[in-house]
Amino acid sequence: MSLFALIHGGAHGGWCWERLVPELESRGHDTVAPDLPFDEGAGARAWARTVIEAIGAAGGAGSEDVVIVGHSLAGMCLPVIATLRPVRRMVFLGAMVPVPGRVYSEYLAENPDAVTFDGSVGGTPGASGLSWEAARHNFFHDVDEETARRAYERLRPTSLTVFTEMCPIDQWPDVPSTYILMKDDRAVGQEWSRRVVRQRIHADLIELPGSHSPFYSRPAELADVLVKI
């Protein structure tokens, strides 16, 4: 039995794993899905500490049988967590991958194909700063509309500190990693993901059909992949 620490991406909360959690638990595993702090100034280290506290509260404080799963922007804190405490594996789920010792916005300027989110999609911005149309197109295009709208209504503003701060670790942790690439992802570049896996982090690569939100569109399939990992 493993403890899966499920870490949501930008604009989301721990609620986004609501379909995946019962799938993992029905397969005999424990889960924890904390809300990351999105207030201004909370960067990757603050996110990592939040997750570590949640792991400890779930009873995994002294265990190495912890798999950390970071979706989208949460990839920025995965190696920070793995530097601060033992984990079995890092899983990047359609995720950004930080560069130790670098400011991520500068890295993105050199790798413009990393983020493919289409900001030209119109609509009136909601509380999160995103319009329903933009969220639907970029995050939830293969999710049923009722679920997508309920998710959209819970989105929240996200601090951009992880983009502008210096990465808080100096070297990549010596921890196995897997990258799950969604082949219909409209938010994160697929060729960039493959390039990062091959050239930079040397992770196992798994490619699945579907959008940026497989925890809603295909939770059982995603659970099977995570358990196999």
Protein backbone atom coordinates (compact mmCIF):
# COMPACT_ATOMS: atom_id res chain seq x y z
CA MET A 1 0.00 0.00 0.00
CA SER A 2 1.32 3.41 -0.99
CA LEU A 3 0.33 6.91 -0.02
CA PHE A 4 -0.35 9.03 -3.10
CA ALA A 5 0.10 12.73 -2.47
CA LEU A 6 -2.03 14.36 -5.17
CA ILE A 7 -0.96 17.94 -5.85
CA HIS A 8 -3.23 20.12 -7.94
CA GLY A 9 -2.15 22.64 -10.54
CA GLY A 10 -2.71 26.35 -10.94
CA ALA A 11 -6.20 27.77 -10.32
CA HIS A 12 -7.38 24.42 -8.91
CA GLY A 13 -7.63 22.93 -5.41
CA GLY A 14 -7.48 19.53 -3.81
CA TRP A 15 -11.10 19.07 -4.87
CA CYS A 16 -10.05 18.36 -8.47
CA TRP A 17 -8.98 14.84 -7.48
CA GLU A 18 -12.49 13.93 -6.31
CA ARG A 19 -12.95 11.25 -8.99
CA LEU A 20 -9.42 9.83 -8.74
CA VAL A 21 -9.29 9.46 -4.94
CA PRO A 22 -11.97 6.76 -4.71
CA GLU A 23 -10.37 4.91 -7.62
CA LEU A 24 -7.01 4.77 -5.84
CA GLU A 25 -8.54 3.92 -2.49
CA SER A 26 -10.61 1.11 -4.03
CA ARG A 27 -7.30 -0.34 -5.23
CA GLY A 28 -6.01 -0.40 -1.64
CA HIS A 29 -3.99 2.82 -1.50
CA ASP A 30 -4.16 5.91 0.67
CA THR A 31 -4.36 9.46 -0.66
CA VAL A 32 -3.89 13.00 0.47
CA ALA A 33 -4.88 16.03 -1.63
CA PRO A 34 -4.02 19.34 0.08
CA ASP A 35 -4.87 22.83 -1.14
CA LEU A 36 -1.73 24.73 -2.13
CA PRO A 37 -1.32 28.28 -0.86
CA PHE A 38 -1.80 30.63 -3.79
CA ASP A 39 -1.27 33.91 -1.92
CA GLU A 40 1.35 36.29 -3.29
CA GLY A 41 4.84 35.28 -2.26
CA ALA A 42 4.05 31.58 -1.77
CA GLY A 43 6.49 29.83 -4.05
CA ALA A 44 7.63 26.26 -4.63
CA ARG A 45 9.11 25.85 -1.15
CA ALA A 46 5.87 26.97 0.53
CA TRP A 47 3.93 24.58 -1.70
CA ALA A 48 6.34 21.75 -0.82
CA ARG A 49 6.00 22.37 2.91
CA THR A 50 2.21 22.34 2.61
CA VAL A 51 2.33 18.93 0.94
CA ILE A 52 4.85 17.56 3.45
CA GLU A 53 2.62 18.67 6.33
CA ALA A 54 -0.34 16.95 4.70
CA ILE A 55 1.68 13.74 4.25
CA GLY A 56 2.62 13.85 7.93
CA ALA A 57 -0.98 14.42 9.01
CA ALA A 58 -2.01 11.41 6.91
CA GLY A 59 0.44 9.19 8.74
CA GLY A 60 3.20 9.15 6.18
CA ALA A 61 5.68 11.32 8.07
CA GLY A 62 8.29 8.61 8.48
CA SER A 63 7.51 6.52 5.43
CA GLU A 64 9.33 6.42 2.12
CA ASP A 65 6.39 4.67 0.44
CA VAL A 66 5.01 7.99 -0.75
CA VAL A 67 4.36 8.76 -4.41
CA ILE A 68 4.00 12.47 -5.17
CA VAL A 69 1.85 13.31 -8.19
CA GLY A 70 2.03 16.88 -9.45
CA HIS A 71 -0.41 18.13 -12.05
CA SER A 72 0.44 21.05 -14.33
CA LEU A 73 1.97 23.90 -12.32
CA ALA A 74 2.44 21.64 -9.29
CA GLY A 75 5.35 20.06 -11.10
CA MET A 76 7.31 23.08 -9.89
CA CYS A 77 7.31 21.76 -6.33
CA LEU A 78 7.82 18.02 -6.89
CA PRO A 79 11.64 17.99 -6.80
CA VAL A 80 11.55 20.41 -3.86
CA ILE A 81 9.43 17.94 -1.88
CA ALA A 82 11.74 15.09 -2.89
CA THR A 83 14.72 17.13 -1.68
CA LEU A 84 13.12 17.80 1.72
CA ARG A 85 11.78 14.32 2.52
CA PRO A 86 12.03 10.72 1.24
CA VAL A 87 9.58 9.73 -1.50
CA ARG A 88 9.37 6.62 -3.65
CA ARG A 89 8.71 8.39 -6.95
CA MET A 90 7.85 11.73 -8.53
CA VAL A 91 5.05 11.67 -11.11
CA PHE A 92 4.69 14.67 -13.39
CA LEU A 93 1.13 14.69 -14.78
CA GLY A 94 1.01 17.05 -17.77
CA ALA A 95 3.29 19.18 -15.63
CA MET A 96 5.84 21.94 -15.70
CA VAL A 97 9.36 20.83 -14.76
CA PRO A 98 11.56 23.33 -12.90
CA VAL A 99 15.25 23.88 -13.53
CA PRO A 100 17.45 23.92 -10.40
CA GLY A 101 19.20 27.25 -9.96
CA ARG A 102 17.12 29.07 -12.59
CA VAL A 103 14.18 31.47 -12.77
CA TYR A 104 11.42 29.64 -14.62
CA SER A 105 10.17 32.64 -16.59
CA GLU A 106 13.64 32.97 -18.11
CA TYR A 107 13.63 29.27 -18.99
CA LEU A 108 10.18 29.61 -20.59
CA ALA A 109 11.44 32.48 -22.73
CA GLU A 110 13.94 30.02 -24.19
CA ASN A 111 11.32 27.26 -24.49
CA PRO A 112 8.14 28.92 -25.76
CA ASP A 113 6.57 25.59 -26.69
CA ALA A 114 6.34 24.55 -23.01
CA VAL A 115 3.05 26.36 -22.40
CA THR A 116 0.43 26.01 -25.13
CA PHE A 117 -2.54 27.46 -23.22
CA ASP A 118 -4.55 29.49 -25.74
CA GLY A 119 -5.12 32.87 -24.10
CA SER A 120 -6.95 34.22 -27.13
CA VAL A 121 -10.13 32.30 -26.27
CA GLY A 122 -12.71 34.93 -25.35
CA GLY A 123 -15.36 35.25 -22.68
CA THR A 124 -15.83 37.21 -19.47
CA PRO A 125 -13.23 36.36 -16.79
CA GLY A 126 -14.58 34.80 -13.61
CA ALA A 127 -13.21 34.94 -10.06
CA SER A 128 -10.10 33.00 -11.09
CA GLY A 129 -9.26 35.41 -13.89
CA LEU A 130 -10.22 32.81 -16.51
CA SER A 131 -13.36 32.82 -18.57
CA TRP A 132 -15.54 29.72 -18.80
CA GLU A 133 -14.72 29.49 -22.49
CA ALA A 134 -10.96 29.56 -21.89
CA ALA A 135 -11.16 26.99 -19.09
CA ARG A 136 -13.38 24.72 -21.14
CA HIS A 137 -11.11 24.92 -24.20
CA ASN A 138 -7.77 24.57 -22.44
CA PHE A 139 -8.52 22.39 -19.39
CA PHE A 140 -11.79 20.52 -19.78
CA HIS A 141 -12.56 19.96 -23.46
CA ASP A 142 -13.19 16.20 -23.03
CA VAL A 143 -14.96 16.49 -19.65
CA ASP A 144 -18.75 16.38 -19.46
CA GLU A 145 -20.17 19.90 -19.24
CA GLU A 146 -21.78 19.54 -15.82
CA THR A 147 -18.50 18.42 -14.24
CA ALA A 148 -16.51 21.02 -16.15
CA ARG A 149 -18.79 23.86 -15.04
CA ARG A 150 -18.68 22.72 -11.42
CA ALA A 151 -14.89 22.66 -11.60
CA TYR A 152 -14.76 26.05 -13.30
CA GLU A 153 -16.84 27.62 -10.54
CA ARG A 154 -14.24 26.51 -7.97
CA LEU A 155 -11.17 27.83 -9.80
CA ARG A 156 -9.21 30.55 -7.97
CA PRO A 157 -6.50 33.10 -8.71
CA THR A 158 -2.94 31.80 -8.67
CA SER A 159 0.19 33.64 -7.59
CA LEU A 160 2.94 33.66 -10.24
CA THR A 161 5.76 33.44 -7.69
CA VAL A 162 6.90 30.02 -8.95
CA PHE A 163 7.59 31.65 -12.32
CA THR A 164 9.53 34.62 -10.99
CA GLU A 165 11.53 33.17 -8.08
CA MET A 166 14.83 31.37 -8.31
CA CYS A 167 14.24 27.63 -8.12
CA PRO A 168 14.81 26.80 -4.43
CA ILE A 169 16.94 23.71 -5.08
CA ASP A 170 20.46 23.58 -6.50
CA GLN A 171 20.37 20.08 -7.94
CA TRP A 172 17.85 17.50 -9.09
CA PRO A 173 17.03 14.93 -6.37
CA ASP A 174 18.15 11.34 -6.86
CA VAL A 175 14.59 10.00 -7.01
CA PRO A 176 12.97 8.00 -9.84
CA SER A 177 10.41 9.93 -11.87
CA THR A 178 7.67 9.33 -14.40
CA TYR A 179 6.13 11.82 -16.80
CA ILE A 180 2.53 11.21 -17.89
CA LEU A 181 1.87 13.08 -21.10
CA MET A 182 -1.71 13.68 -22.22
CA LYS A 183 -1.80 13.46 -26.02
CA ASP A 184 -4.73 15.90 -26.35
CA ASP A 185 -3.33 18.41 -23.83
CA ARG A 186 -4.00 22.03 -24.87
CA ALA A 187 -2.21 23.66 -21.92
CA VAL A 188 1.22 22.01 -21.86
CA GLY A 189 3.33 21.38 -24.95
CA GLN A 190 3.68 17.75 -25.88
CA GLU A 191 6.92 18.03 -27.84
CA TRP A 192 8.39 20.09 -24.99
CA SER A 193 7.35 17.37 -22.53
CA ARG A 194 9.03 14.66 -24.58
CA ARG A 195 12.16 16.78 -24.91
CA VAL A 196 12.37 17.40 -21.15
CA VAL A 197 11.91 13.71 -20.39
CA ARG A 198 14.58 12.69 -22.89
CA GLN A 199 17.18 15.42 -22.41
CA ARG A 200 16.79 16.75 -18.89
CA ILE A 201 15.13 14.55 -16.26
CA HIS A 202 15.50 11.09 -17.91
CA ALA A 203 12.11 9.98 -16.60
CA ASP A 204 9.92 7.11 -17.68
CA LEU A 205 7.41 8.43 -20.21
CA ILE A 206 3.79 7.32 -20.39
CA GLU A 207 1.49 8.78 -23.05
CA LEU A 208 -2.27 8.66 -22.58
CA PRO A 209 -5.14 9.97 -24.71
CA GLY A 210 -7.08 12.86 -23.27
CA SER A 211 -7.02 16.46 -22.16
CA HIS A 212 -5.19 18.36 -19.45
CA SER A 213 -7.66 17.01 -16.86
CA PRO A 214 -7.51 13.19 -16.88
CA PHE A 215 -8.56 13.08 -13.23
CA TYR A 216 -12.02 14.07 -14.51
CA SER A 217 -12.16 12.58 -18.00
CA ARG A 218 -10.56 9.17 -17.30
CA PRO A 219 -10.01 8.66 -13.53
CA ALA A 220 -10.06 4.84 -13.60
CA GLU A 221 -7.48 4.68 -16.38
CA LEU A 222 -5.30 7.20 -14.58
CA ALA A 223 -5.57 5.24 -11.32
CA ASP A 224 -4.50 2.06 -13.09
CA VAL A 225 -1.44 3.84 -14.49
CA LEU A 226 -0.48 5.29 -11.11
CA VAL A 227 -0.85 1.97 -9.33
CA LYS A 228 1.25 0.24 -12.01
CA ILE A 229 3.93 2.89 -11.60
